[in-house]
Each structure stands twice: as structure tokens, then as C-alpha cells.
Amino acid sequence: MSLSTLIPYIFPTRLHVVYPQKAFNRKDLLPLGSDYLWKIEQGIVRSLTWNEEGQLVTLGFWGPGDVVGRRLSRIKPYQVVCLTRVQASQIPLESQSLPEALLIHACKSEELLNILHQHSAYARLLHLLEWLSCHFGQTVPQGKLLNFHLTHQDIAETIGTTRVTVTRLINRLEQEGRIVRSHRNLILTTGEHSQYNDTENLL
């Protein structure tokens, strides 16, 4: 399936039950248990693992409305790290408000998997930035601002390439006018034309 033929996935309701929230700082790890999940209320987190050589492997990026937790993955080791300051609610597995969020989790995982199967590192990087801008980007005059910091190493671990390659490709995207640097963050100038749906259209 091509990226241009992605079908919107829309569900009728959001998670309505309110649970006590806990605050986390950037780079904190969410504590993971077998009898609960975390619902992200504010901020962005990354789920990850690492291989036998100790190289980190990104499993997903998650923001407000998404659920994460050990019971959503059979991969070991498995961690969830905060990319920004985060507010999250601990919700029990038996919660009746989970089904829609779990479906969205599966859809986002499928989208990311599709991106990672793009043939070239250039295509993987461009589509990853497009996907991130649609789900987590802030609209600014130039396009969509990724208002959180991902290092070139973080991106390399996500798209399966090297930090040096990511740096070279980001410079290329900037020269092509596809991205603009804003302090330590990026603005994707093509974000408004993306085939991906933003978070508001997932539910």
C-alpha cells in the first residue's frame, strides 16, 4: 500500500474515564507493570528496546490520548521514555474505555511500520518527519513545528541508519526547502500536504 492511499481511521469516542495523573520530566522512564497501562494526557513519549549489540530500536512515538505499557508489547527489553515533560494517567486493564485507544495504538504502529519499509533512508526520514508533524506538530506560519527535541541519533535509531547519514539527509532536506531549523527543533514545510491524519482525526 502506498503512503498516498492510507485510509483514515475514525472512532466515535475518546477515553472518558478520568484517572489520577502523574507528572514526569523529559528523559524519565515510565514505570511499567503487568496490570495497568499509561494514558498520555500531555507530552510525548517513545517506546523502545535494544538489540544484542546494545543498539536502541524505536518501537513507537505516543502523545495525548495514546496508551502505552508493558502489556502492549511482547518485546523484551521494553521501555517508555519521555521526550518532553509528560502528564500520564495509570489505567487498569479492565477499564471499559480502552478499546478505542488500543485500536489507535495498532493503527499508529502499522503506519510507522509502513514508513520503516520505505526503500531509501531519505524516504524513511522524510516520511517519519511528516508522520511526526501530523501527529504531534504545532502549526506555525512556515508549516508544522516539531516542538520537541529528537537527536540525530534518536532519528537514526528509528529509521535504521546511522547518525552521520541522518545529519547529511537533514542538511539535504533543509537545502531543498522541505524543513526549516528552529533553534534545536525542526519545522516541516510540507506538513500541511501530508497524507497522514493528525491526532484529532483518529477518534
Protein backbone atom coordinates (compact mmCIF):
# COMPACT_ATOMS: atom_id res chain seq x y z
CA MET A 1 0.00 0.00 0.00
CA SER A 2 1.39 3.40 -0.92
CA LEU A 3 1.55 6.21 1.59
CA SER A 4 -0.88 8.21 -0.52
CA THR A 5 -3.65 5.63 -0.16
CA LEU A 6 -3.79 5.42 3.63
CA ILE A 7 -7.41 5.15 4.76
CA PRO A 8 -8.49 7.44 7.63
CA TYR A 9 -9.34 5.57 10.81
CA ILE A 10 -12.06 7.23 12.85
CA PHE A 11 -13.58 6.05 16.09
CA PRO A 12 -16.59 7.62 17.78
CA THR A 13 -15.35 8.31 21.30
CA ARG A 14 -12.29 9.19 23.33
CA LEU A 15 -11.24 7.82 26.69
CA HIS A 16 -13.82 9.40 29.01
CA VAL A 17 -12.93 7.99 32.45
CA VAL A 18 -10.72 10.31 34.49
CA TYR A 19 -7.89 8.73 36.50
CA PRO A 20 -5.32 10.42 38.78
CA GLN A 21 -2.41 11.85 36.82
CA LYS A 22 1.31 11.67 37.47
CA ALA A 23 3.98 14.07 36.18
CA PHE A 24 7.23 13.01 34.55
CA ASN A 25 10.20 15.00 33.32
CA ARG A 26 11.99 14.71 29.99
CA LYS A 27 14.15 11.55 29.85
CA ASP A 28 12.21 9.91 32.70
CA LEU A 29 11.15 6.31 32.21
CA LEU A 30 7.51 5.43 32.78
CA PRO A 31 7.24 2.66 35.40
CA LEU A 32 5.75 -0.41 33.76
CA GLY A 33 3.57 -3.05 35.37
CA SER A 34 1.63 -6.04 34.13
CA ASP A 35 -1.77 -4.95 35.48
CA TYR A 36 -2.09 -1.41 34.09
CA LEU A 37 -1.37 0.88 31.15
CA TRP A 38 -0.47 4.55 30.92
CA LYS A 39 -2.71 7.00 29.09
CA ILE A 40 -0.70 10.02 27.94
CA GLU A 41 -2.53 13.24 28.85
CA GLN A 42 0.17 15.74 27.89
CA GLY A 43 3.57 15.42 26.26
CA ILE A 44 5.25 12.84 24.04
CA VAL A 45 6.93 9.53 24.83
CA ARG A 46 8.93 7.00 22.85
CA SER A 47 8.70 3.23 23.33
CA LEU A 48 11.93 1.37 22.62
CA THR A 49 14.02 -1.73 23.01
CA TRP A 50 17.61 -2.64 22.20
CA ASN A 51 19.27 -5.49 20.34
CA GLU A 52 22.05 -7.87 21.33
CA GLU A 53 24.67 -5.31 20.29
CA GLY A 54 23.12 -2.74 22.63
CA GLN A 55 21.72 -0.58 19.82
CA LEU A 56 18.45 1.15 20.66
CA VAL A 57 15.44 0.41 18.46
CA THR A 58 12.42 2.73 18.44
CA LEU A 59 9.06 0.95 18.64
CA GLY A 60 6.78 3.99 18.52
CA PHE A 61 6.03 7.59 19.43
CA TRP A 62 2.96 8.39 21.51
CA GLY A 63 1.15 11.54 22.61
CA PRO A 64 -2.07 12.79 24.20
CA GLY A 65 -4.82 10.16 24.12
CA ASP A 66 -2.45 7.28 23.38
CA VAL A 67 -1.92 4.35 25.73
CA VAL A 68 1.37 2.60 26.37
CA GLY A 69 2.52 -0.16 28.68
CA ARG A 70 4.20 -3.49 29.09
CA ARG A 71 1.05 -5.44 28.19
CA LEU A 72 1.04 -3.86 24.72
CA SER A 73 4.34 -5.44 23.75
CA ARG A 74 5.91 -8.88 23.89
CA ILE A 75 9.33 -7.47 23.10
CA LYS A 76 11.92 -7.67 25.87
CA PRO A 77 13.50 -5.45 26.98
CA TYR A 78 10.83 -2.77 26.66
CA GLN A 79 10.92 0.81 27.93
CA VAL A 80 8.93 4.01 27.54
CA VAL A 81 10.96 7.22 27.81
CA CYS A 82 9.62 10.77 27.99
CA LEU A 83 10.70 13.06 25.16
CA THR A 84 9.08 16.06 26.86
CA ARG A 85 7.51 16.80 30.21
CA VAL A 86 4.62 14.34 30.47
CA GLN A 87 1.36 14.02 32.36
CA ALA A 88 0.03 10.46 32.33
CA SER A 89 -2.83 8.52 33.93
CA GLN A 90 -2.45 4.96 35.15
CA ILE A 91 -5.45 2.98 33.93
CA PRO A 92 -6.42 -0.61 34.80
CA LEU A 93 -6.58 -3.25 32.09
CA GLU A 94 -10.26 -3.90 32.79
CA SER A 95 -11.21 -0.30 32.01
CA GLN A 96 -14.12 -0.14 29.58
CA SER A 97 -12.62 2.97 27.99
CA LEU A 98 -9.63 1.15 26.47
CA PRO A 99 -10.87 -0.37 23.16
CA GLU A 100 -10.71 2.77 21.01
CA ALA A 101 -7.27 3.70 22.32
CA LEU A 102 -5.96 0.19 21.65
CA LEU A 103 -7.21 0.33 18.07
CA ILE A 104 -5.47 3.67 17.57
CA HIS A 105 -2.30 2.18 19.05
CA ALA A 106 -2.42 -0.61 16.47
CA CYS A 107 -3.08 1.82 13.60
CA LYS A 108 -0.20 4.09 14.54
CA SER A 109 2.13 1.10 14.85
CA GLU A 110 1.08 -0.02 11.37
CA GLU A 111 1.72 3.44 9.92
CA LEU A 112 5.20 3.55 11.43
CA LEU A 113 5.96 0.05 10.16
CA ASN A 114 4.96 1.15 6.67
CA ILE A 115 7.34 4.11 6.91
CA LEU A 116 10.22 1.91 8.02
CA HIS A 117 9.77 -0.29 4.94
CA GLN A 118 10.46 2.58 2.56
CA HIS A 119 13.38 1.65 0.35
CA SER A 120 15.76 4.57 0.94
CA ALA A 121 16.92 6.26 4.11
CA TYR A 122 15.90 9.57 2.54
CA ALA A 123 12.30 8.38 2.08
CA ARG A 124 12.17 6.90 5.58
CA LEU A 125 13.41 10.14 7.12
CA LEU A 126 11.07 12.37 5.14
CA HIS A 127 8.00 10.24 5.86
CA LEU A 128 8.93 9.92 9.54
CA LEU A 129 9.16 13.70 9.88
CA GLU A 130 5.86 14.04 8.04
CA TRP A 131 4.22 11.48 10.34
CA LEU A 132 5.59 13.15 13.48
CA SER A 133 4.48 16.58 12.29
CA CYS A 134 0.93 15.38 11.65
CA HIS A 135 0.51 13.59 14.96
CA PHE A 136 2.50 15.91 17.22
CA GLY A 137 3.29 19.05 15.21
CA GLN A 138 2.29 22.59 16.10
CA THR A 139 1.02 24.74 13.24
CA VAL A 140 3.23 27.77 12.56
CA PRO A 141 3.39 30.13 9.55
CA GLN A 142 6.12 28.06 7.86
CA GLY A 143 4.41 24.67 8.32
CA LYS A 144 4.38 22.22 11.24
CA LEU A 145 6.79 22.66 14.15
CA LEU A 146 8.12 19.58 15.91
CA ASN A 147 8.14 21.23 19.32
CA PHE A 148 10.24 18.54 20.98
CA HIS A 149 13.86 17.61 20.59
CA LEU A 150 14.94 14.46 18.79
CA THR A 151 18.67 14.00 18.36
CA HIS A 152 20.07 12.76 15.07
CA GLN A 153 20.93 9.57 16.93
CA ASP A 154 17.29 9.18 18.06
CA ILE A 155 16.14 9.51 14.45
CA ALA A 156 18.82 7.11 13.24
CA GLU A 157 17.63 4.51 15.76
CA THR A 158 14.10 4.93 14.44
CA ILE A 159 14.72 4.62 10.69
CA GLY A 160 17.55 2.07 10.83
CA THR A 161 20.52 4.10 9.65
CA THR A 162 23.49 5.98 11.10
CA ARG A 163 23.69 9.33 12.82
CA VAL A 164 26.04 10.60 10.12
CA THR A 165 23.52 9.66 7.42
CA VAL A 166 20.70 11.42 9.27
CA THR A 167 22.79 14.59 9.59
CA ARG A 168 23.57 14.52 5.87
CA LEU A 169 19.94 13.92 4.90
CA ILE A 170 18.61 16.64 7.22
CA ASN A 171 21.03 19.08 5.60
CA ARG A 172 19.71 17.95 2.22
CA LEU A 173 16.09 18.43 3.27
CA GLU A 174 16.95 21.91 4.52
CA GLN A 175 18.64 22.77 1.22
CA GLU A 176 15.56 21.52 -0.63
CA GLY A 177 13.33 23.75 1.48
CA ARG A 178 11.41 20.84 2.97
CA ILE A 179 12.44 21.68 6.54
CA VAL A 180 13.47 24.79 8.46
CA ARG A 181 15.51 24.73 11.63
CA SER A 182 14.05 26.48 14.66
CA HIS A 183 16.59 26.52 17.46
CA ARG A 184 17.02 22.80 18.29
CA ASN A 185 13.74 21.79 16.63
CA LEU A 186 12.53 21.36 13.06
CA ILE A 187 9.68 22.83 11.03
CA LEU A 188 8.37 20.62 8.24
CA THR A 189 7.27 22.97 5.47
CA THR A 190 5.41 20.21 3.59
CA GLY A 191 3.40 19.10 6.63
CA GLU A 192 0.15 20.66 5.51
CA HIS A 193 0.11 18.38 2.43
CA SER A 194 0.65 15.16 4.37
CA GLN A 195 -1.35 12.03 3.70
CA TYR A 196 -1.32 11.20 7.42
CA ASN A 197 -4.12 12.18 9.75
CA ASP A 198 -3.43 14.28 12.79
CA THR A 199 -4.41 13.13 16.25
CA GLU A 200 -7.74 14.95 16.18
CA ASN A 201 -8.90 12.83 13.25
CA LEU A 202 -8.02 9.48 14.81
CA LEU A 203 -11.10 9.33 17.00
